[in-house]
Amino acid sequence: MANVKAIVKQLEMQYPDTNRDQGGTVASLSTVVVGDVRPILLTLLTGAGLLLLIASVNVASLRVGYWGSSSPKEWFWSPLGPRWA
C-alpha cells in the first residue's frame, strides 16, 4: 500500500494539472472481476458439474446395457424401454 501512495504522489508532482486530488487503490483481480456475484457463479458451476455427473452415469449405464445385449441396436434402444427395442 505504501508503494501505491508513493506512485500516486509522484504522478501528482509530475502532472499537477490532471492528477490533483487523485488517489489509488489496490484490489485483487478476482475481487474486481467477480465481485458480488461469486455465490451465483459457484451455484452455476455446481449445477454444471452435477449435469456432467448425470450425463456420465447415463453413458455408463448404456455401456453396462451393452454388455448384456446381443446387438448394437439393442444396446442403443434398450434404455428407452421394450417399445423401442
C-alpha atoms as a PDB file:
ATOM      1  CA  MET A   1       0.000   0.000   0.000  1.00  0.00           C
ATOM      2  CA  ALA A   2       2.901   2.327   0.717  1.00  0.00           C
ATOM      3  CA  ASN A   3       4.161   1.810  -2.845  1.00  0.00           C
ATOM      4  CA  VAL A   4       0.817   2.846  -4.290  1.00  0.00           C
ATOM      5  CA  LYS A   5       0.770   6.030  -2.213  1.00  0.00           C
ATOM      6  CA  ALA A   6       4.314   6.852  -3.357  1.00  0.00           C
ATOM      7  CA  ILE A   7       3.390   6.304  -7.013  1.00  0.00           C
ATOM      8  CA  VAL A   8       0.257   8.450  -6.690  1.00  0.00           C
ATOM      9  CA  LYS A   9       2.253  11.234  -5.026  1.00  0.00           C
ATOM     10  CA  GLN A  10       4.936  11.053  -7.746  1.00  0.00           C
ATOM     11  CA  LEU A  11       2.313  11.254 -10.505  1.00  0.00           C
ATOM     12  CA  GLU A  12       0.685  14.214  -8.772  1.00  0.00           C
ATOM     13  CA  MET A  13       4.034  16.021  -8.717  1.00  0.00           C
ATOM     14  CA  GLN A  14       4.783  15.203 -12.372  1.00  0.00           C
ATOM     15  CA  TYR A  15       1.319  16.076 -13.686  1.00  0.00           C
ATOM     16  CA  PRO A  16      -0.222  18.550 -11.227  1.00  0.00           C
ATOM     17  CA  ASP A  17      -2.978  19.728 -13.591  1.00  0.00           C
ATOM     18  CA  THR A  18      -4.528  16.324 -14.295  1.00  0.00           C
ATOM     19  CA  ASN A  19      -3.654  14.358 -11.140  1.00  0.00           C
ATOM     20  CA  ARG A  20      -4.551  16.807  -8.408  1.00  0.00           C
ATOM     21  CA  ASP A  21      -6.628  15.182  -5.630  1.00  0.00           C
ATOM     22  CA  GLN A  22      -6.487  11.782  -7.292  1.00  0.00           C
ATOM     23  CA  GLY A  23      -5.955   8.569  -5.326  1.00  0.00           C
ATOM     24  CA  GLY A  24      -5.067   4.979  -5.912  1.00  0.00           C
ATOM     25  CA  THR A  25      -6.344   1.705  -4.535  1.00  0.00           C
ATOM     26  CA  VAL A  26      -5.155  -1.883  -4.621  1.00  0.00           C
ATOM     27  CA  ALA A  27      -7.615  -4.758  -5.069  1.00  0.00           C
ATOM     28  CA  SER A  28      -7.193  -8.369  -6.090  1.00  0.00           C
ATOM     29  CA  LEU A  29      -8.144  -9.215  -9.654  1.00  0.00           C
ATOM     30  CA  SER A  30     -10.637 -11.879  -8.597  1.00  0.00           C
ATOM     31  CA  THR A  31     -12.465  -9.389  -6.386  1.00  0.00           C
ATOM     32  CA  VAL A  32     -12.654  -6.846  -9.187  1.00  0.00           C
ATOM     33  CA  VAL A  33     -13.783  -9.326 -11.856  1.00  0.00           C
ATOM     34  CA  VAL A  34     -16.159 -11.496  -9.804  1.00  0.00           C
ATOM     35  CA  GLY A  35     -17.282  -9.034  -7.152  1.00  0.00           C
ATOM     36  CA  ASP A  36     -20.661  -9.724  -5.565  1.00  0.00           C
ATOM     37  CA  VAL A  37     -21.756 -12.455  -7.982  1.00  0.00           C
ATOM     38  CA  ARG A  38     -19.363 -15.067  -6.571  1.00  0.00           C
ATOM     39  CA  PRO A  39     -22.124 -17.170  -4.880  1.00  0.00           C
ATOM     40  CA  ILE A  40     -24.164 -17.169  -8.081  1.00  0.00           C
ATOM     41  CA  LEU A  41     -21.156 -18.299 -10.121  1.00  0.00           C
ATOM     42  CA  LEU A  42     -20.395 -21.069  -7.639  1.00  0.00           C
ATOM     43  CA  THR A  43     -24.014 -22.246  -7.825  1.00  0.00           C
ATOM     44  CA  LEU A  44     -23.841 -22.255 -11.628  1.00  0.00           C
ATOM     45  CA  LEU A  45     -20.574 -24.197 -11.551  1.00  0.00           C
ATOM     46  CA  THR A  46     -22.081 -26.736  -9.148  1.00  0.00           C
ATOM     47  CA  GLY A  47     -25.102 -27.182 -11.427  1.00  0.00           C
ATOM     48  CA  ALA A  48     -22.870 -27.729 -14.450  1.00  0.00           C
ATOM     49  CA  GLY A  49     -20.854 -30.297 -12.502  1.00  0.00           C
ATOM     50  CA  LEU A  50     -23.993 -32.180 -11.481  1.00  0.00           C
ATOM     51  CA  LEU A  51     -25.213 -32.173 -15.084  1.00  0.00           C
ATOM     52  CA  LEU A  52     -21.888 -33.627 -16.210  1.00  0.00           C
ATOM     53  CA  LEU A  53     -22.117 -36.281 -13.496  1.00  0.00           C
ATOM     54  CA  ILE A  54     -25.639 -37.261 -14.573  1.00  0.00           C
ATOM     55  CA  ALA A  55     -24.562 -37.488 -18.219  1.00  0.00           C
ATOM     56  CA  SER A  56     -21.566 -39.644 -17.270  1.00  0.00           C
ATOM     57  CA  VAL A  57     -23.731 -42.031 -15.248  1.00  0.00           C
ATOM     58  CA  ASN A  58     -26.151 -42.240 -18.159  1.00  0.00           C
ATOM     59  CA  VAL A  59     -23.373 -43.175 -20.584  1.00  0.00           C
ATOM     60  CA  ALA A  60     -22.034 -45.705 -18.069  1.00  0.00           C
ATOM     61  CA  SER A  61     -25.462 -47.314 -17.803  1.00  0.00           C
ATOM     62  CA  LEU A  62     -25.619 -47.551 -21.598  1.00  0.00           C
ATOM     63  CA  ARG A  63     -22.271 -49.342 -21.589  1.00  0.00           C
ATOM     64  CA  VAL A  64     -23.473 -51.768 -18.919  1.00  0.00           C
ATOM     65  CA  GLY A  65     -26.581 -52.426 -21.012  1.00  0.00           C
ATOM     66  CA  TYR A  66     -24.390 -53.179 -24.000  1.00  0.00           C
ATOM     67  CA  TRP A  67     -22.627 -55.985 -22.174  1.00  0.00           C
ATOM     68  CA  GLY A  68     -25.903 -57.834 -21.743  1.00  0.00           C
ATOM     69  CA  SER A  69     -27.311 -57.301 -25.238  1.00  0.00           C
ATOM     70  CA  SER A  70     -26.649 -59.206 -28.409  1.00  0.00           C
ATOM     71  CA  SER A  71     -26.571 -56.343 -30.919  1.00  0.00           C
ATOM     72  CA  PRO A  72     -25.565 -52.675 -31.001  1.00  0.00           C
ATOM     73  CA  LYS A  73     -29.162 -51.792 -31.874  1.00  0.00           C
ATOM     74  CA  GLU A  74     -30.336 -53.290 -28.596  1.00  0.00           C
ATOM     75  CA  TRP A  75     -27.526 -51.510 -26.788  1.00  0.00           C
ATOM     76  CA  PHE A  76     -28.739 -48.160 -28.084  1.00  0.00           C
ATOM     77  CA  TRP A  77     -32.505 -48.570 -27.733  1.00  0.00           C
ATOM     78  CA  SER A  78     -32.779 -50.739 -24.604  1.00  0.00           C
ATOM     79  CA  PRO A  79     -32.652 -47.828 -22.099  1.00  0.00           C
ATOM     80  CA  LEU A  80     -35.816 -46.419 -23.739  1.00  0.00           C
ATOM     81  CA  GLY A  81     -37.862 -49.486 -22.879  1.00  0.00           C
ATOM     82  CA  PRO A  82     -39.328 -52.530 -24.654  1.00  0.00           C
ATOM     83  CA  ARG A  83     -41.420 -50.473 -27.082  1.00  0.00           C
ATOM     84  CA  TRP A  84     -38.299 -49.131 -28.812  1.00  0.00           C
ATOM     85  CA  ALA A  85     -36.048 -52.170 -28.631  1.00  0.00           C
END
